Amino acid sequence: MLIDPQLGRRPGIPHVAAGRRTDPPVSVPKDATTNPAATAIPESPPVAVSRNFRDGDAFEADTQMLAGLGFVGRACIHPAQLAPVRTVFVPSADEVREAEELLADLEQATSGVVVDSKGFLIDEAVARTARRVVERGAARESIST
């Protein structure tokens, strides 16, 4: 597969920068596959399975790194992988509360954008992410370990 490092800078293809960035050899392949899909699907696909089910700390660290690249879930092949995946991808009560406050701020706006209490701009792209956090947070109540 040939990867165009300028792909995310082309008109009509959004550059997705969720979380921290890593070296180009890691982030460019993900960008090359998910940026063109960003307009077709609402969020990144889940990460593929890992054969590692014995070293929970390493599996969680790997999952956290992948979440930093913008992935929103991970397929599991063993029950031991569930808790680390939930820790990484199911938002905390504080994260849900912050997302709900952000959405409430935007709802009160007289235009399509507003500055929140921390001084950050909130627009529809930010609101879309906040709605996903609220939705994933609601899933926490229905998950049993």
Foldseek 3Di string as FASTA:
>chain_A
DDFDQCVCVDPPFHQDQAADDDPCVPLRVVRRPCRVCVVVDVFDEAAEEDPDLPPQVVLLVVLLVVVRSGHQFYDYDDPSNVVSRCVRRQDDPVLLVVLVQLVVQCVPDPDQWDQDPVRDIDHVVNNSVSVVNNVSNVVVVVDDD
